[in-house]
């Protein structure tokens, strides 16, 4: 069974900047858009301690593609990678909305999705727009929400969505555990509880959904990848002094 995921070492990917290898593979037809994604800062959330999360959407895209090229099954490889190249290009118009803001306010999340699809019509080809819709359908399936066109999310879109979600989650825990270990740590200015436990709660829900709705080898691929993500997140927290780890995180580390 195709199962390379448990070797995922996100810390090494970030610190050794291995993801920059993806720069050599940027598709020429969207290269200008990918370059402009440097301007779109990620996780600019007013409830986060200032300066903890420093990243941009271009780096996020490169990391997603790098991970996909390391782990994607050849049956879904091309569409998965293309989806990851284009999935955040609409943010050149819409800007970024954090996953916590989306989960807290479903109305804002729906509004953002519509704005994203409108932006896609201006920035992406019809084929890439279809990939983005498929990508959004994958997100709805994982969250047990109905999609608008009743089309089944493809295996490539499901893997792309989980890679996108996982890179964001792992980057969050990588950055915040560094802060928790550092001299900048401030017990009076902790990140919100829902953001601290979001990775653990949502991925457990994703696992349940995948077990119920996905069949065959595709299910095993997705399950193994999510398990590897959770292993990486827990590994970051185990480097933090126990007395500094919030209770909402501790309960997920066993």
Protein backbone atom coordinates (compact mmCIF):
# COMPACT_ATOMS: atom_id res chain seq x y z
CA UNK A 1 0.00 0.00 0.00
CA UNK A 2 1.26 3.46 -0.94
CA UNK A 3 2.08 5.03 2.42
CA UNK A 4 4.97 7.51 2.56
CA UNK A 5 3.23 9.92 4.89
CA UNK A 6 4.53 8.86 8.26
CA UNK A 7 7.96 10.16 7.24
CA UNK A 8 6.60 13.71 7.02
CA UNK A 9 8.97 16.06 8.89
CA UNK A 10 7.46 19.52 8.68
CA UNK A 11 10.08 21.16 10.88
CA UNK A 12 12.83 20.02 8.52
CA UNK A 13 10.88 21.25 5.48
CA UNK A 14 10.57 24.72 7.02
CA UNK A 15 13.97 25.14 8.66
CA UNK A 16 15.97 23.74 5.77
CA UNK A 17 13.72 25.64 3.33
CA UNK A 18 13.31 22.51 1.26
CA UNK A 19 10.02 23.85 -0.05
CA UNK A 20 11.93 26.42 -2.11
CA UNK A 21 12.68 23.54 -4.48
CA UNK A 22 9.13 24.11 -5.71
CA UNK A 23 10.19 27.44 -7.21
CA UNK A 24 11.73 25.52 -10.12
CA UNK A 25 8.31 24.02 -10.91
CA UNK A 26 6.10 27.13 -10.89
CA UNK A 27 3.85 26.91 -13.98
CA UNK A 28 4.73 29.65 -16.43
CA UNK A 29 1.11 30.63 -17.08
CA UNK A 30 0.55 31.61 -13.42
CA UNK A 31 4.08 32.58 -12.42
CA UNK A 32 3.22 36.28 -12.05
CA UNK A 33 0.27 35.48 -9.79
CA UNK A 34 2.40 33.19 -7.63
CA UNK A 35 5.02 35.91 -7.28
CA UNK A 36 2.38 38.45 -6.25
CA UNK A 37 1.18 36.13 -3.47
CA UNK A 38 4.19 37.37 -1.47
CA UNK A 39 2.06 40.43 -0.70
CA UNK A 40 -0.72 38.36 0.92
CA UNK A 41 0.20 37.85 4.56
CA UNK A 42 -1.22 34.85 6.37
CA UNK A 43 -2.95 34.53 9.72
CA UNK A 44 -3.30 38.25 10.32
CA UNK A 45 -5.70 37.68 13.20
CA UNK A 46 -6.10 40.39 15.84
CA UNK A 47 -6.29 37.85 18.66
CA UNK A 48 -2.85 36.37 17.91
CA UNK A 49 0.18 37.77 19.79
CA UNK A 50 1.91 40.21 17.48
CA UNK A 51 4.71 38.93 15.27
CA UNK A 52 4.34 35.23 16.12
CA UNK A 53 3.07 34.03 12.75
CA UNK A 54 5.28 35.39 9.98
CA UNK A 55 4.49 33.90 6.59
CA UNK A 56 3.00 34.78 3.23
CA UNK A 57 0.74 32.96 0.81
CA UNK A 58 3.48 32.36 -1.75
CA UNK A 59 5.48 30.41 0.83
CA UNK A 60 2.33 28.53 1.82
CA UNK A 61 1.74 27.54 -1.80
CA UNK A 62 5.35 26.40 -2.26
CA UNK A 63 5.16 24.29 0.89
CA UNK A 64 1.88 22.70 -0.17
CA UNK A 65 3.27 21.80 -3.59
CA UNK A 66 6.49 20.47 -2.07
CA UNK A 67 4.55 18.18 0.27
CA UNK A 68 2.28 17.02 -2.56
CA UNK A 69 5.23 16.15 -4.77
CA UNK A 70 6.66 14.06 -1.95
CA UNK A 71 3.51 12.17 -1.07
CA UNK A 72 0.86 12.33 -3.83
CA UNK A 73 -0.18 9.07 -5.45
CA UNK A 74 0.55 9.18 -9.19
CA UNK A 75 -3.14 8.58 -9.91
CA UNK A 76 -4.06 12.00 -8.54
CA UNK A 77 -0.68 13.72 -8.79
CA UNK A 78 -1.22 16.22 -11.63
CA UNK A 79 -4.60 17.58 -10.53
CA UNK A 80 -3.56 17.69 -6.87
CA UNK A 81 -0.47 19.75 -7.65
CA UNK A 82 -2.25 22.06 -10.09
CA UNK A 83 -5.01 22.65 -7.55
CA UNK A 84 -2.45 23.61 -4.92
CA UNK A 85 -0.73 26.00 -7.31
CA UNK A 86 -3.97 27.89 -8.01
CA UNK A 87 -6.02 27.49 -4.83
CA UNK A 88 -5.04 30.79 -3.18
CA UNK A 89 -4.57 32.97 -6.27
CA UNK A 90 -8.02 34.56 -5.70
CA UNK A 91 -6.61 35.98 -2.46
CA UNK A 92 -4.79 38.52 -4.60
CA UNK A 93 -8.21 40.19 -4.74
CA UNK A 94 -9.94 38.95 -1.58
CA UNK A 95 -7.07 38.89 0.88
CA UNK A 96 -6.84 36.10 3.49
CA UNK A 97 -9.47 35.03 6.02
CA UNK A 98 -8.15 32.81 8.80
CA UNK A 99 -9.65 29.39 9.34
CA UNK A 100 -10.64 30.40 12.87
CA UNK A 101 -12.64 33.34 11.54
CA UNK A 102 -14.34 31.00 9.05
CA UNK A 103 -15.28 28.51 11.75
CA UNK A 104 -16.51 31.22 14.11
CA UNK A 105 -18.70 32.95 11.53
CA UNK A 106 -20.31 30.77 8.86
CA UNK A 107 -21.90 33.82 7.22
CA UNK A 108 -18.50 35.43 6.69
CA UNK A 109 -17.14 32.10 5.44
CA UNK A 110 -19.89 31.80 2.80
CA UNK A 111 -19.40 35.41 1.77
CA UNK A 112 -15.66 34.85 1.43
CA UNK A 113 -16.18 31.76 -0.72
CA UNK A 114 -18.44 33.70 -3.09
CA UNK A 115 -15.89 36.53 -3.29
CA UNK A 116 -13.18 33.95 -3.94
CA UNK A 117 -15.11 32.37 -6.83
CA UNK A 118 -15.83 35.83 -8.30
CA UNK A 119 -12.11 36.63 -8.07
CA UNK A 120 -11.28 33.30 -9.69
CA UNK A 121 -13.30 34.29 -12.76
CA UNK A 122 -10.98 37.26 -13.19
CA UNK A 123 -7.70 35.48 -12.49
CA UNK A 124 -8.04 31.83 -13.48
CA UNK A 125 -8.80 29.84 -16.61
CA UNK A 126 -12.13 27.95 -16.80
CA UNK A 127 -10.30 24.68 -16.12
CA UNK A 128 -8.61 26.11 -13.03
CA UNK A 129 -11.95 27.49 -11.86
CA UNK A 130 -13.33 23.94 -12.05
CA UNK A 131 -10.42 22.72 -9.93
CA UNK A 132 -11.16 25.41 -7.35
CA UNK A 133 -14.83 24.41 -7.21
CA UNK A 134 -13.78 20.77 -6.77
CA UNK A 135 -11.38 21.90 -4.03
CA UNK A 136 -14.22 23.72 -2.24
CA UNK A 137 -16.44 20.65 -2.59
CA UNK A 138 -13.72 18.61 -0.89
CA UNK A 139 -13.74 21.08 1.99
CA UNK A 140 -17.51 20.74 2.32
CA UNK A 141 -17.33 16.95 2.28
CA UNK A 142 -14.71 16.93 5.04
CA UNK A 143 -16.90 19.28 7.10
CA UNK A 144 -20.07 17.28 6.36
CA UNK A 145 -21.67 20.22 4.57
CA UNK A 146 -23.69 20.07 1.34
CA UNK A 147 -22.16 21.51 -1.83
CA UNK A 148 -24.03 23.62 -4.35
CA UNK A 149 -23.72 21.43 -7.44
CA UNK A 150 -24.04 18.00 -5.76
CA UNK A 151 -20.86 16.82 -7.50
CA UNK A 152 -18.69 14.34 -5.64
CA UNK A 153 -15.30 15.70 -4.60
CA UNK A 154 -12.50 13.99 -6.51
CA UNK A 155 -9.63 12.09 -4.83
CA UNK A 156 -7.19 14.74 -6.10
CA UNK A 157 -9.21 17.57 -4.57
CA UNK A 158 -9.54 15.77 -1.24
CA UNK A 159 -5.80 15.26 -1.01
CA UNK A 160 -5.16 18.87 -2.08
CA UNK A 161 -7.57 20.18 0.56
CA UNK A 162 -6.02 18.09 3.32
CA UNK A 163 -2.51 19.18 2.33
CA UNK A 164 -3.63 22.84 2.30
CA UNK A 165 -5.34 22.49 5.66
CA UNK A 166 -2.42 20.58 7.14
CA UNK A 167 0.27 23.01 6.04
CA UNK A 168 -1.65 25.82 7.72
CA UNK A 169 -2.13 23.80 10.89
CA UNK A 170 1.49 22.72 11.09
CA UNK A 171 2.81 26.20 10.39
CA UNK A 172 0.58 27.48 13.19
CA UNK A 173 1.97 24.99 15.72
CA UNK A 174 5.54 25.40 14.48
CA UNK A 175 5.36 29.19 14.97
CA UNK A 176 3.42 29.25 18.21
CA UNK A 177 5.44 26.57 19.99
CA UNK A 178 8.57 28.59 19.19
CA UNK A 179 6.87 31.54 20.91
CA UNK A 180 5.83 29.41 23.90
CA UNK A 181 9.47 28.31 24.31
CA UNK A 182 10.94 31.80 23.90
CA UNK A 183 11.57 34.82 26.12
CA UNK A 184 8.69 36.56 24.34
CA UNK A 185 6.21 34.16 25.95
CA UNK A 186 3.53 36.12 27.79
CA UNK A 187 0.98 34.18 29.81
CA UNK A 188 -1.36 37.18 29.77
CA UNK A 189 -1.40 37.30 25.96
CA UNK A 190 -2.04 33.72 24.87
CA UNK A 191 -3.63 32.91 21.50
CA UNK A 192 -7.35 32.04 21.70
CA UNK A 193 -8.27 28.58 22.92
CA UNK A 194 -10.20 27.65 19.78
CA UNK A 195 -7.13 28.29 17.62
CA UNK A 196 -4.88 26.25 19.94
CA UNK A 197 -7.03 23.14 19.69
CA UNK A 198 -8.40 23.63 16.17
CA UNK A 199 -5.89 21.27 14.52
CA UNK A 200 -6.64 18.41 16.89
CA UNK A 201 -10.42 18.77 16.88
CA UNK A 202 -10.93 19.29 13.15
CA UNK A 203 -8.54 16.53 12.10
CA UNK A 204 -10.27 14.06 14.37
CA UNK A 205 -13.55 15.07 12.72
CA UNK A 206 -11.96 14.70 9.28
CA UNK A 207 -10.83 11.19 10.21
CA UNK A 208 -14.37 10.26 11.21
CA UNK A 209 -15.80 11.66 7.98
CA UNK A 210 -13.22 9.89 5.83
CA UNK A 211 -13.88 6.59 7.60
CA UNK A 212 -17.60 6.98 6.89
CA UNK A 213 -17.58 8.39 3.35
CA UNK A 214 -14.40 7.30 1.57
CA UNK A 215 -13.65 3.79 0.39
CA UNK A 216 -10.63 1.73 -0.68
CA UNK A 217 -6.98 2.72 -0.87
CA UNK A 218 -7.93 6.40 -1.15
CA UNK A 219 -9.25 6.28 2.43
CA UNK A 220 -6.04 4.79 3.78
CA UNK A 221 -3.91 7.42 2.03
CA UNK A 222 -5.92 10.28 3.56
CA UNK A 223 -6.08 8.72 7.02
CA UNK A 224 -2.35 8.07 7.12
CA UNK A 225 -1.55 11.61 6.05
CA UNK A 226 -3.76 13.17 8.73
CA UNK A 227 -2.23 10.91 11.37
CA UNK A 228 1.23 12.07 10.28
CA UNK A 229 0.12 15.69 10.62
CA UNK A 230 -1.10 15.08 14.17
CA UNK A 231 2.21 13.37 15.03
CA UNK A 232 4.10 16.45 13.80
CA UNK A 233 1.89 18.88 15.75
CA UNK A 234 2.28 16.90 18.97
CA UNK A 235 6.04 16.72 18.43
CA UNK A 236 6.25 20.53 18.40
CA UNK A 237 4.41 20.78 21.72
CA UNK A 238 6.57 18.17 23.41
CA UNK A 239 9.47 20.63 23.07
CA UNK A 240 7.58 23.22 25.16
CA UNK A 241 8.06 23.28 28.97
CA UNK A 242 5.10 21.43 30.47
CA UNK A 243 4.10 24.34 32.71
CA UNK A 244 3.66 26.56 29.65
CA UNK A 245 1.46 24.20 27.65
CA UNK A 246 -2.19 25.33 27.86
CA UNK A 247 -4.64 22.80 29.28
CA UNK A 248 -6.65 22.80 26.04
CA UNK A 249 -3.54 21.54 24.23
CA UNK A 250 -2.36 19.08 26.89
CA UNK A 251 -5.50 17.00 26.63
CA UNK A 252 -4.70 16.29 22.97
CA UNK A 253 -1.07 15.25 23.46
CA UNK A 254 -1.59 11.81 24.97
